[in-house]
PDB file of N, CA and C in Angstrom:
ATOM      1  N   MET A   1       0.836  -1.153  -0.008  1.00  0.00           N
ATOM      2  CA  MET A   1      -0.018  -0.002   0.017  1.00  0.00           C
ATOM      3  C   MET A   1       0.875   1.237   0.007  1.00  0.00           C
ATOM      4  N   ALA A   2       0.480   2.197  -0.782  1.00  0.00           N
ATOM      5  CA  ALA A   2       1.293   3.470  -0.868  1.00  0.00           C
ATOM      6  C   ALA A   2       1.151   4.199   0.444  1.00  0.00           C
ATOM      7  N   LYS A   3       2.177   4.909   0.842  1.00  0.00           N
ATOM      8  CA  LYS A   3       2.168   5.640   2.067  1.00  0.00           C
ATOM      9  C   LYS A   3       2.161   7.130   1.784  1.00  0.00           C
ATOM     10  N   THR A   4       1.478   7.840   2.678  1.00  0.00           N
ATOM     11  CA  THR A   4       1.381   9.275   2.609  1.00  0.00           C
ATOM     12  C   THR A   4       2.015   9.860   3.854  1.00  0.00           C
ATOM     13  N   GLN A   5       2.780  10.914   3.631  1.00  0.00           N
ATOM     14  CA  GLN A   5       3.414  11.523   4.774  1.00  0.00           C
ATOM     15  C   GLN A   5       2.396  12.443   5.511  1.00  0.00           C
ATOM     16  N   LEU A   6       2.402  12.383   6.798  1.00  0.00           N
ATOM     17  CA  LEU A   6       1.526  13.205   7.559  1.00  0.00           C
ATOM     18  C   LEU A   6       2.404  13.836   8.704  1.00  0.00           C
ATOM     19  N   ASN A   7       2.367  15.139   8.749  1.00  0.00           N
ATOM     20  CA  ASN A   7       3.147  15.844   9.776  1.00  0.00           C
ATOM     21  C   ASN A   7       2.226  16.364  10.844  1.00  0.00           C
ATOM     22  N   VAL A   8       2.558  16.080  12.079  1.00  0.00           N
ATOM     23  CA  VAL A   8       1.715  16.552  13.188  1.00  0.00           C
ATOM     24  C   VAL A   8       2.627  17.249  14.200  1.00  0.00           C
ATOM     25  N   ARG A   9       2.055  18.151  14.970  1.00  0.00           N
ATOM     26  CA  ARG A   9       2.807  18.785  16.024  1.00  0.00           C
ATOM     27  C   ARG A   9       2.139  18.387  17.379  1.00  0.00           C
ATOM     28  N   VAL A  10       2.996  17.867  18.244  1.00  0.00           N
ATOM     29  CA  VAL A  10       2.538  17.576  19.640  1.00  0.00           C
ATOM     30  C   VAL A  10       3.489  18.123  20.626  1.00  0.00           C
ATOM     31  N   ASP A  11       3.025  18.246  21.879  1.00  0.00           N
ATOM     32  CA  ASP A  11       3.994  18.738  22.916  1.00  0.00           C
ATOM     33  C   ASP A  11       5.037  17.681  23.184  1.00  0.00           C
ATOM     34  N   GLU A  12       6.103  18.102  23.822  1.00  0.00           N
ATOM     35  CA  GLU A  12       7.249  17.188  24.089  1.00  0.00           C
ATOM     36  C   GLU A  12       6.873  15.947  24.937  1.00  0.00           C
ATOM     37  N   ASP A  13       5.966  16.115  25.893  1.00  0.00           N
ATOM     38  CA  ASP A  13       5.559  14.956  26.695  1.00  0.00           C
ATOM     39  C   ASP A  13       4.847  13.948  25.867  1.00  0.00           C
ATOM     40  N   THR A  14       3.969  14.379  24.949  1.00  0.00           N
ATOM     41  CA  THR A  14       3.294  13.455  24.059  1.00  0.00           C
ATOM     42  C   THR A  14       4.270  12.779  23.137  1.00  0.00           C
ATOM     43  N   ALA A  15       5.192  13.541  22.596  1.00  0.00           N
ATOM     44  CA  ALA A  15       6.184  12.939  21.704  1.00  0.00           C
ATOM     45  C   ALA A  15       7.035  11.917  22.410  1.00  0.00           C
ATOM     46  N   ARG A  16       7.445  12.218  23.667  1.00  0.00           N
ATOM     47  CA  ARG A  16       8.228  11.255  24.448  1.00  0.00           C
ATOM     48  C   ARG A  16       7.398  10.000  24.705  1.00  0.00           C
ATOM     49  N   ALA A  17       6.133  10.190  25.099  1.00  0.00           N
ATOM     50  CA  ALA A  17       5.333   9.031  25.387  1.00  0.00           C
ATOM     51  C   ALA A  17       5.163   8.170  24.171  1.00  0.00           C
ATOM     52  N   ALA A  18       4.964   8.783  23.006  1.00  0.00           N
ATOM     53  CA  ALA A  18       4.850   7.957  21.793  1.00  0.00           C
ATOM     54  C   ALA A  18       6.093   7.209  21.475  1.00  0.00           C
ATOM     55  N   ARG A  19       7.245   7.873  21.641  1.00  0.00           N
ATOM     56  CA  ARG A  19       8.544   7.148  21.412  1.00  0.00           C
ATOM     57  C   ARG A  19       8.712   5.977  22.357  1.00  0.00           C
ATOM     58  N   GLU A  20       8.428   6.225  23.635  1.00  0.00           N
ATOM     59  CA  GLU A  20       8.595   5.198  24.637  1.00  0.00           C
ATOM     60  C   GLU A  20       7.662   3.987  24.388  1.00  0.00           C
ATOM     61  N   ARG A  21       6.440   4.267  24.082  1.00  0.00           N
ATOM     62  CA  ARG A  21       5.428   3.220  23.812  1.00  0.00           C
ATOM     63  C   ARG A  21       5.771   2.443  22.579  1.00  0.00           C
ATOM     64  N   ALA A  22       6.204   3.133  21.569  1.00  0.00           N
ATOM     65  CA  ALA A  22       6.590   2.425  20.314  1.00  0.00           C
ATOM     66  C   ALA A  22       7.819   1.572  20.550  1.00  0.00           C
ATOM     67  N   LEU A  23       8.799   2.087  21.269  1.00  0.00           N
ATOM     68  CA  LEU A  23       9.987   1.285  21.618  1.00  0.00           C
ATOM     69  C   LEU A  23       9.610   0.039  22.430  1.00  0.00           C
ATOM     70  N   ALA A  24       8.762   0.218  23.414  1.00  0.00           N
ATOM     71  CA  ALA A  24       8.341  -0.900  24.265  1.00  0.00           C
ATOM     72  C   ALA A  24       7.575  -1.996  23.455  1.00  0.00           C
ATOM     73  N   ARG A  25       6.988  -1.551  22.378  1.00  0.00           N
ATOM     74  CA  ARG A  25       6.289  -2.545  21.519  1.00  0.00           C
ATOM     75  C   ARG A  25       7.131  -3.041  20.392  1.00  0.00           C
ATOM     76  N   GLY A  26       8.350  -2.521  20.320  1.00  0.00           N
ATOM     77  CA  GLY A  26       9.255  -2.960  19.239  1.00  0.00           C
ATOM     78  C   GLY A  26       8.893  -2.493  17.860  1.00  0.00           C
ATOM     79  N   MET A  27       8.323  -1.271  17.759  1.00  0.00           N
ATOM     80  CA  MET A  27       7.943  -0.730  16.442  1.00  0.00           C
ATOM     81  C   MET A  27       8.363   0.692  16.363  1.00  0.00           C
ATOM     82  N   SER A  28       8.280   1.191  15.140  1.00  0.00           N
ATOM     83  CA  SER A  28       8.619   2.603  14.915  1.00  0.00           C
ATOM     84  C   SER A  28       7.467   3.506  15.422  1.00  0.00           C
ATOM     85  N   VAL A  29       7.750   4.725  15.616  1.00  0.00           N
ATOM     86  CA  VAL A  29       6.728   5.680  16.061  1.00  0.00           C
ATOM     87  C   VAL A  29       5.688   5.791  14.936  1.00  0.00           C
ATOM     88  N   ASN A  30       6.114   5.789  13.646  1.00  0.00           N
ATOM     89  CA  ASN A  30       5.130   5.828  12.557  1.00  0.00           C
ATOM     90  C   ASN A  30       4.146   4.625  12.689  1.00  0.00           C
ATOM     91  N   ARG A  31       4.700   3.443  12.846  1.00  0.00           N
ATOM     92  CA  ARG A  31       3.850   2.255  12.926  1.00  0.00           C
ATOM     93  C   ARG A  31       2.973   2.299  14.175  1.00  0.00           C
ATOM     94  N   TYR A  32       3.483   2.820  15.277  1.00  0.00           N
ATOM     95  CA  TYR A  32       2.689   2.914  16.534  1.00  0.00           C
ATOM     96  C   TYR A  32       1.497   3.888  16.293  1.00  0.00           C
ATOM     97  N   ILE A  33       1.739   5.031  15.678  1.00  0.00           N
ATOM     98  CA  ILE A  33       0.649   6.007  15.443  1.00  0.00           C
ATOM     99  C   ILE A  33      -0.330   5.416  14.446  1.00  0.00           C
ATOM    100  N   GLU A  34       0.137   4.717  13.415  1.00  0.00           N
ATOM    101  CA  GLU A  34      -0.748   4.115  12.437  1.00  0.00           C
ATOM    102  C   GLU A  34      -1.644   3.114  13.117  1.00  0.00           C
ATOM    103  N   GLU A  35      -1.106   2.275  13.999  1.00  0.00           N
ATOM    104  CA  GLU A  35      -1.907   1.310  14.762  1.00  0.00           C
ATOM    105  C   GLU A  35      -2.940   1.962  15.610  1.00  0.00           C
ATOM    106  N   LEU A  36      -2.560   3.058  16.286  1.00  0.00           N
ATOM    107  CA  LEU A  36      -3.477   3.740  17.143  1.00  0.00           C
ATOM    108  C   LEU A  36      -4.693   4.275  16.343  1.00  0.00           C
ATOM    109  N   VAL A  37      -4.429   4.859  15.149  1.00  0.00           N
ATOM    110  CA  VAL A  37      -5.481   5.395  14.321  1.00  0.00           C
ATOM    111  C   VAL A  37      -6.380   4.294  13.822  1.00  0.00           C
ATOM    112  N   LYS A  38      -5.793   3.134  13.410  1.00  0.00           N
ATOM    113  CA  LYS A  38      -6.598   2.011  12.993  1.00  0.00           C
ATOM    114  C   LYS A  38      -7.498   1.509  14.078  1.00  0.00           C
ATOM    115  N   GLN A  39      -6.943   1.407  15.314  1.00  0.00           N
ATOM    116  CA  GLN A  39      -7.737   0.946  16.466  1.00  0.00           C
ATOM    117  C   GLN A  39      -8.906   1.911  16.725  1.00  0.00           C
ATOM    118  N   ASP A  40      -8.606   3.277  16.634  1.00  0.00           N
ATOM    119  CA  ASP A  40      -9.610   4.235  16.888  1.00  0.00           C
ATOM    120  C   ASP A  40     -10.723   4.170  15.801  1.00  0.00           C
ATOM    121  N   ALA A  41     -10.333   4.006  14.554  1.00  0.00           N
ATOM    122  CA  ALA A  41     -11.264   3.902  13.469  1.00  0.00           C
ATOM    123  C   ALA A  41     -12.157   2.650  13.644  1.00  0.00           C
ATOM    124  N   GLY A  42     -11.604   1.563  14.193  1.00  0.00           N
ATOM    125  CA  GLY A  42     -12.352   0.367  14.410  1.00  0.00           C
ATOM    126  C   GLY A  42     -13.388   0.508  15.527  1.00  0.00           C
ATOM    127  N   GLU A  43     -13.209   1.534  16.407  1.00  0.00           N
ATOM    128  CA  GLU A  43     -14.177   1.796  17.471  1.00  0.00           C
ATOM    129  C   GLU A  43     -15.506   2.117  16.939  1.00  0.00           C
ATOM    130  N   LEU A  44     -15.605   2.679  15.735  1.00  0.00           N
ATOM    131  CA  LEU A  44     -16.886   3.008  15.153  1.00  0.00           C
ATOM    132  C   LEU A  44     -17.763   1.731  15.068  1.00  0.00           C
ATOM    133  N   GLY A  45     -17.186   0.657  14.608  1.00  0.00           N
ATOM    134  CA  GLY A  45     -17.970  -0.594  14.558  1.00  0.00           C
ATOM    135  C   GLY A  45     -18.421  -1.055  15.963  1.00  0.00           C
ATOM    136  N   HIS A  46     -17.525  -0.943  16.934  1.00  0.00           N
ATOM    137  CA  HIS A  46     -17.955  -1.315  18.303  1.00  0.00           C
ATOM    138  C   HIS A  46     -19.069  -0.445  18.814  1.00  0.00           C
ATOM    139  N   THR A  47     -18.954   0.866  18.507  1.00  0.00           N
ATOM    140  CA  THR A  47     -19.953   1.832  18.959  1.00  0.00           C
ATOM    141  C   THR A  47     -21.316   1.447  18.317  1.00  0.00           C
ATOM    142  N   PHE A  48     -21.324   1.071  17.072  1.00  0.00           N
ATOM    143  CA  PHE A  48     -22.540   0.702  16.433  1.00  0.00           C
ATOM    144  C   PHE A  48     -23.156  -0.552  17.039  1.00  0.00           C
ATOM    145  N   VAL A  49     -22.373  -1.562  17.292  1.00  0.00           N
ATOM    146  CA  VAL A  49     -22.848  -2.760  17.920  1.00  0.00           C
ATOM    147  C   VAL A  49     -23.395  -2.509  19.320  1.00  0.00           C
ATOM    148  N   GLU A  50     -22.726  -1.676  20.091  1.00  0.00           N
ATOM    149  CA  GLU A  50     -23.211  -1.310  21.423  1.00  0.00           C
ATOM    150  C   GLU A  50     -24.535  -0.611  21.344  1.00  0.00           C
ATOM    151  N   ALA A  51     -24.666   0.365  20.368  1.00  0.00           N
ATOM    152  CA  ALA A  51     -25.932   1.119  20.222  1.00  0.00           C
ATOM    153  C   ALA A  51     -27.011   0.186  19.803  1.00  0.00           C
ATOM    154  N   ALA A  52     -26.739  -0.788  18.918  1.00  0.00           N
ATOM    155  CA  ALA A  52     -27.725  -1.734  18.504  1.00  0.00           C
ATOM    156  C   ALA A  52     -28.208  -2.546  19.683  1.00  0.00           C
ATOM    157  N   ALA A  53     -27.268  -3.039  20.471  1.00  0.00           N
ATOM    158  CA  ALA A  53     -27.603  -3.882  21.685  1.00  0.00           C
ATOM    159  C   ALA A  53     -28.473  -3.080  22.655  1.00  0.00           C
ATOM    160  N   ASP A  54     -28.123  -1.794  22.812  1.00  0.00           N
ATOM    161  CA  ASP A  54     -28.959  -0.946  23.719  1.00  0.00           C
ATOM    162  C   ASP A  54     -30.361  -0.771  23.141  1.00  0.00           C
ATOM    163  N   PHE A  55     -30.493  -0.608  21.836  1.00  0.00           N
ATOM    164  CA  PHE A  55     -31.753  -0.459  21.202  1.00  0.00           C
ATOM    165  C   PHE A  55     -32.596  -1.735  21.432  1.00  0.00           C
ATOM    166  N   MET A  56     -31.991  -2.846  21.181  1.00  0.00           N
ATOM    167  CA  MET A  56     -32.703  -4.163  21.366  1.00  0.00           C
ATOM    168  C   MET A  56     -33.126  -4.338  22.782  1.00  0.00           C
ATOM    169  N   LYS A  57     -32.318  -3.961  23.711  1.00  0.00           N
ATOM    170  CA  LYS A  57     -32.692  -4.069  25.111  1.00  0.00           C
ATOM    171  C   LYS A  57     -33.841  -3.162  25.434  1.00  0.00           C
ATOM    172  N   GLN A  58     -33.782  -1.967  24.944  1.00  0.00           N
ATOM    173  CA  GLN A  58     -34.837  -0.972  25.210  1.00  0.00           C
ATOM    174  C   GLN A  58     -36.199  -1.405  24.602  1.00  0.00           C
ATOM    175  N   TYR A  59     -36.159  -2.034  23.486  1.00  0.00           N
ATOM    176  CA  TYR A  59     -37.414  -2.433  22.773  1.00  0.00           C
ATOM    177  C   TYR A  59     -37.668  -3.942  22.849  1.00  0.00           C
ATOM    178  N   GLU A  60     -37.040  -4.617  23.785  1.00  0.00           N
ATOM    179  CA  GLU A  60     -37.154  -6.094  23.924  1.00  0.00           C
ATOM    180  C   GLU A  60     -38.622  -6.524  24.068  1.00  0.00           C
ATOM    181  N   SER A  61     -39.384  -5.788  24.907  1.00  0.00           N
ATOM    182  CA  SER A  61     -40.775  -6.163  25.130  1.00  0.00           C
ATOM    183  C   SER A  61     -41.603  -6.011  23.877  1.00  0.00           C
ATOM    184  N   VAL A  62     -41.297  -4.975  23.063  1.00  0.00           N
ATOM    185  CA  VAL A  62     -42.012  -4.749  21.799  1.00  0.00           C
ATOM    186  C   VAL A  62     -41.791  -5.890  20.847  1.00  0.00           C
ATOM    187  N   PHE A  63     -40.497  -6.290  20.739  1.00  0.00           N
ATOM    188  CA  PHE A  63     -40.152  -7.396  19.836  1.00  0.00           C
ATOM    189  C   PHE A  63     -40.821  -8.710  20.358  1.00  0.00           C
ATOM    190  N   ALA A  64     -40.770  -8.945  21.648  1.00  0.00           N
ATOM    191  CA  ALA A  64     -41.372 -10.167  22.217  1.00  0.00           C
ATOM    192  C   ALA A  64     -42.877 -10.139  21.926  1.00  0.00           C
ATOM    193  N   GLU A  65     -43.536  -9.028  21.999  1.00  0.00           N
ATOM    194  CA  GLU A  65     -44.988  -8.948  21.779  1.00  0.00           C
ATOM    195  C   GLU A  65     -45.257  -9.217  20.317  1.00  0.00           C
ATOM    196  N   GLU A  66     -44.427  -8.691  19.423  1.00  0.00           N
ATOM    197  CA  GLU A  66     -44.648  -8.795  17.994  1.00  0.00           C
ATOM    198  C   GLU A  66     -44.323 -10.198  17.473  1.00  0.00           C
ATOM    199  N   PHE A  67     -43.223 -10.767  17.944  1.00  0.00           N
ATOM    200  CA  PHE A  67     -42.696 -12.015  17.394  1.00  0.00           C
ATOM    201  C   PHE A  67     -42.915 -13.208  18.256  1.00  0.00           C
ATOM    202  N   GLY A  68     -43.552 -13.107  19.358  1.00  0.00           N
ATOM    203  CA  GLY A  68     -43.868 -14.269  20.180  1.00  0.00           C
ATOM    204  C   GLY A  68     -43.249 -14.209  21.540  1.00  0.00           C
ATOM    205  N   SER A  69     -43.681 -15.144  22.362  1.00  0.00           N
ATOM    206  CA  SER A  69     -43.156 -15.194  23.747  1.00  0.00           C
ATOM    207  C   SER A  69     -41.870 -15.942  23.786  1.00  0.00           C
ATOM    208  N   GLU A  70     -41.208 -15.901  24.889  1.00  0.00           N
ATOM    209  CA  GLU A  70     -39.921 -16.639  25.045  1.00  0.00           C
ATOM    210  C   GLU A  70     -40.175 -18.016  25.603  1.00  0.00           C
ATOM    211  N   ARG A  71     -39.369 -18.950  25.130  1.00  0.00           N
ATOM    212  CA  ARG A  71     -39.475 -20.270  25.655  1.00  0.00           C
ATOM    213  C   ARG A  71     -38.344 -20.506  26.650  1.00  0.00           C
ATOM    214  N   GLU A  72     -38.211 -21.648  27.226  1.00  0.00           N
ATOM    215  CA  GLU A  72     -37.160 -21.982  28.155  1.00  0.00           C
ATOM    216  C   GLU A  72     -35.812 -21.699  27.596  1.00  0.00           C
ATOM    217  N   GLY A  73     -34.922 -21.082  28.335  1.00  0.00           N
ATOM    218  CA  GLY A  73     -33.596 -20.760  27.863  1.00  0.00           C
ATOM    219  C   GLY A  73     -33.441 -19.359  27.300  1.00  0.00           C
ATOM    220  N   GLY A  74     -34.603 -18.623  27.306  1.00  0.00           N
ATOM    221  CA  GLY A  74     -34.574 -17.242  26.886  1.00  0.00           C
ATOM    222  C   GLY A  74     -34.531 -17.046  25.400  1.00  0.00           C
ATOM    223  N   ARG A  75     -34.735 -18.090  24.617  1.00  0.00           N
ATOM    224  CA  ARG A  75     -34.687 -17.920  23.153  1.00  0.00           C
ATOM    225  C   ARG A  75     -36.101 -17.795  22.609  1.00  0.00           C
ATOM    226  N   PRO A  76     -36.341 -16.922  21.682  1.00  0.00           N
ATOM    227  CA  PRO A  76     -37.698 -16.750  21.097  1.00  0.00           C
ATOM    228  C   PRO A  76     -38.206 -17.983  20.373  1.00  0.00           C
ATOM    229  N   LEU A  77     -39.467 -18.191  20.375  1.00  0.00           N
ATOM    230  CA  LEU A  77     -40.091 -19.272  19.654  1.00  0.00           C
ATOM    231  C   LEU A  77     -39.852 -19.058  18.156  1.00  0.00           C
ATOM    232  N   ARG A  78     -39.490 -20.105  17.479  1.00  0.00           N
ATOM    233  CA  ARG A  78     -39.236 -19.985  16.031  1.00  0.00           C
ATOM    234  C   ARG A  78     -39.738 -21.215  15.310  1.00  0.00           C
ATOM    235  N   GLU A  79     -40.051 -21.051  14.092  1.00  0.00           N
ATOM    236  CA  GLU A  79     -40.409 -22.126  13.182  1.00  0.00           C
ATOM    237  C   GLU A  79     -39.534 -22.000  11.969  1.00  0.00           C
ATOM    238  N   GLY A  80     -38.614 -22.890  11.790  1.00  0.00           N
ATOM    239  CA  GLY A  80     -37.616 -22.730  10.699  1.00  0.00           C
ATOM    240  C   GLY A  80     -36.670 -21.603  11.051  1.00  0.00           C
ATOM    241  N   SER A  81     -36.459 -20.722  10.184  1.00  0.00           N
ATOM    242  CA  SER A  81     -35.534 -19.612  10.437  1.00  0.00           C
ATOM    243  C   SER A  81     -36.293 -18.276  10.656  1.00  0.00           C
ATOM    244  N   ARG A  82     -37.635 -18.342  10.651  1.00  0.00           N
ATOM    245  CA  ARG A  82     -38.474 -17.134  10.796  1.00  0.00           C
ATOM    246  C   ARG A  82     -39.121 -17.101  12.173  1.00  0.00           C
ATOM    247  N   PRO A  83     -39.312 -15.955  12.780  1.00  0.00           N
ATOM    248  CA  PRO A  83     -39.985 -15.910  14.057  1.00  0.00           C
ATOM    249  C   PRO A  83     -41.435 -16.298  13.911  1.00  0.00           C
ATOM    250  N   VAL A  84     -42.047 -16.956  14.957  1.00  0.00           N
ATOM    251  CA  VAL A  84     -43.400 -17.320  14.947  1.00  0.00           C
ATOM    252  C   VAL A  84     -44.209 -16.131  15.521  1.00  0.00           C
ATOM    253  N   ARG A  85     -45.145 -15.700  14.758  1.00  0.00           N
ATOM    254  CA  ARG A  85     -46.005 -14.583  15.248  1.00  0.00           C
ATOM    255  C   ARG A  85     -47.273 -15.174  15.804  1.00  0.00           C
ATOM    256  N   GLU A  86     -47.633 -14.833  17.000  1.00  0.00           N
ATOM    257  CA  GLU A  86     -48.797 -15.367  17.629  1.00  0.00           C
ATOM    258  C   GLU A  86     -50.017 -14.963  16.823  1.00  0.00           C
ATOM    259  N   GLY A  87     -50.901 -15.943  16.528  1.00  0.00           N
ATOM    260  CA  GLY A  87     -52.096 -15.659  15.817  1.00  0.00           C
ATOM    261  C   GLY A  87     -51.991 -15.603  14.353  1.00  0.00           C
ATOM    262  N   ARG A  88     -50.741 -15.660  13.886  1.00  0.00           N
ATOM    263  CA  ARG A  88     -50.513 -15.603  12.421  1.00  0.00           C
ATOM    264  C   ARG A  88     -49.557 -16.712  12.003  1.00  0.00           C
ATOM    265  N   ARG A  89     -49.717 -17.120  10.756  1.00  0.00           N
ATOM    266  CA  ARG A  89     -48.746 -18.082  10.207  1.00  0.00           C
ATOM    267  C   ARG A  89     -48.535 -17.814   8.754  1.00  0.00           C
TER     268      ARG A  89
END
């Protein structure tokens, strides 16, 4: 992959910390910063999953009412791969 140069200005303490952490991990400062950015960018996916889980929890009763009651083990009633709707087939 082609590389692009990116120049940033940070205070001396931040620069020192970046150098020390990169050295401790056995990588260059460039690679260390690149990894940090990739990790941070990956957080978007985690944030989405957490938001979706919160949504499902908030509306759990609505889904249970629409798609059927829960059976033993906390799993919804299903027929094949589709949810069973009470009163409808």
